[in-house]
Amino acid sequence: MNNSLEHLRAKKMRVGWLVGVALAVATVVEYYVAVSLARPLVPLAIVALIKAWFIVVYFMHIKQLWTSEEGGH
C-alpha cells in the first residue's frame, strides 16, 4: 500500500510540474503576442482562456464537483 501511495504522489507531482510548465509557456506566448501584434486582443483572449482552463481544472479541482464523494478522488 505504501508503494501505491508513493506512486500516486509521484504522479500528482509530475502533473503539477507539467501544468506549471504549460502555464509558463503560455505566459511566454502571451508576452510575445502582446509585443509583436498590432491588434493582440483576440489572440491574448485565447491564451488567457487556455491559462484559465489549466488553473480551474488543476488548481481549483473543478472536476470534483461532478464526481461522487464516495469515489474518494
Protein backbone atom coordinates (compact mmCIF):
# COMPACT_ATOMS: atom_id res chain seq x y z
CA MET A 1 0.00 0.00 0.00
CA ASN A 2 2.86 2.38 0.76
CA ASN A 3 4.26 1.82 -2.73
CA SER A 4 0.84 2.68 -4.19
CA LEU A 5 0.70 5.93 -2.23
CA GLU A 6 4.19 6.85 -3.36
CA HIS A 7 3.25 6.12 -6.96
CA LEU A 8 0.11 8.30 -6.68
CA ARG A 9 2.09 11.10 -5.04
CA ALA A 10 4.75 10.94 -7.78
CA LYS A 11 2.06 11.03 -10.48
CA LYS A 12 0.41 14.09 -8.91
CA MET A 13 3.77 15.82 -8.60
CA ARG A 14 4.54 15.11 -12.27
CA VAL A 15 1.17 16.50 -13.36
CA GLY A 16 1.72 19.57 -11.18
CA TRP A 17 5.07 20.24 -12.83
CA LEU A 18 3.55 19.76 -16.29
CA VAL A 19 0.77 22.23 -15.51
CA GLY A 20 3.31 24.72 -14.17
CA VAL A 21 5.43 24.40 -17.31
CA ALA A 22 2.34 24.74 -19.52
CA LEU A 23 1.36 27.94 -17.69
CA ALA A 24 4.90 29.30 -18.03
CA VAL A 25 4.96 28.55 -21.77
CA ALA A 26 1.52 30.14 -22.18
CA THR A 27 2.80 33.24 -20.38
CA VAL A 28 5.77 33.49 -22.74
CA VAL A 29 3.41 33.11 -25.72
CA GLU A 30 1.13 35.74 -24.20
CA TYR A 31 4.04 38.19 -23.87
CA TYR A 32 5.23 37.50 -27.42
CA VAL A 33 1.72 38.07 -28.82
CA ALA A 34 1.30 41.29 -26.83
CA VAL A 35 4.56 42.85 -28.04
CA SER A 36 4.54 41.62 -31.63
CA LEU A 37 0.99 42.08 -32.89
CA ALA A 38 -0.67 45.39 -33.68
CA ARG A 39 -4.08 44.08 -32.59
CA PRO A 40 -3.42 41.42 -29.96
CA LEU A 41 -6.86 41.36 -28.31
CA VAL A 42 -8.27 38.13 -29.77
CA PRO A 43 -5.04 36.07 -29.52
CA LEU A 44 -4.50 37.32 -25.97
CA ALA A 45 -8.04 36.35 -25.06
CA ILE A 46 -7.47 32.85 -26.43
CA VAL A 47 -4.24 32.41 -24.46
CA ALA A 48 -5.95 33.78 -21.33
CA LEU A 49 -8.79 31.26 -21.71
CA ILE A 50 -6.30 28.40 -22.07
CA LYS A 51 -4.44 29.53 -18.94
CA ALA A 52 -7.73 29.93 -17.05
CA TRP A 53 -8.74 26.40 -18.06
CA PHE A 54 -5.49 24.96 -16.66
CA ILE A 55 -5.95 26.86 -13.40
CA VAL A 56 -9.60 25.88 -12.97
CA VAL A 57 -9.08 22.22 -13.79
CA TYR A 58 -5.86 21.62 -11.90
CA PHE A 59 -5.68 24.09 -9.03
CA MET A 60 -9.40 24.56 -8.33
CA HIS A 61 -10.26 20.86 -8.81
CA ILE A 62 -13.46 21.67 -10.72
CA LYS A 63 -13.78 18.00 -11.76
CA GLN A 64 -14.67 17.11 -8.17
CA LEU A 65 -17.98 18.96 -8.50
CA TRP A 66 -19.24 16.25 -10.83
CA THR A 67 -17.84 13.17 -9.11
CA SER A 68 -19.40 11.36 -6.21
CA GLU A 69 -17.92 11.79 -2.77
CA GLU A 70 -17.78 8.02 -2.39
CA GLY A 71 -15.06 7.83 -5.04
CA GLY A 72 -12.56 9.48 -2.73
CA HIS A 73 -10.54 11.10 -5.56
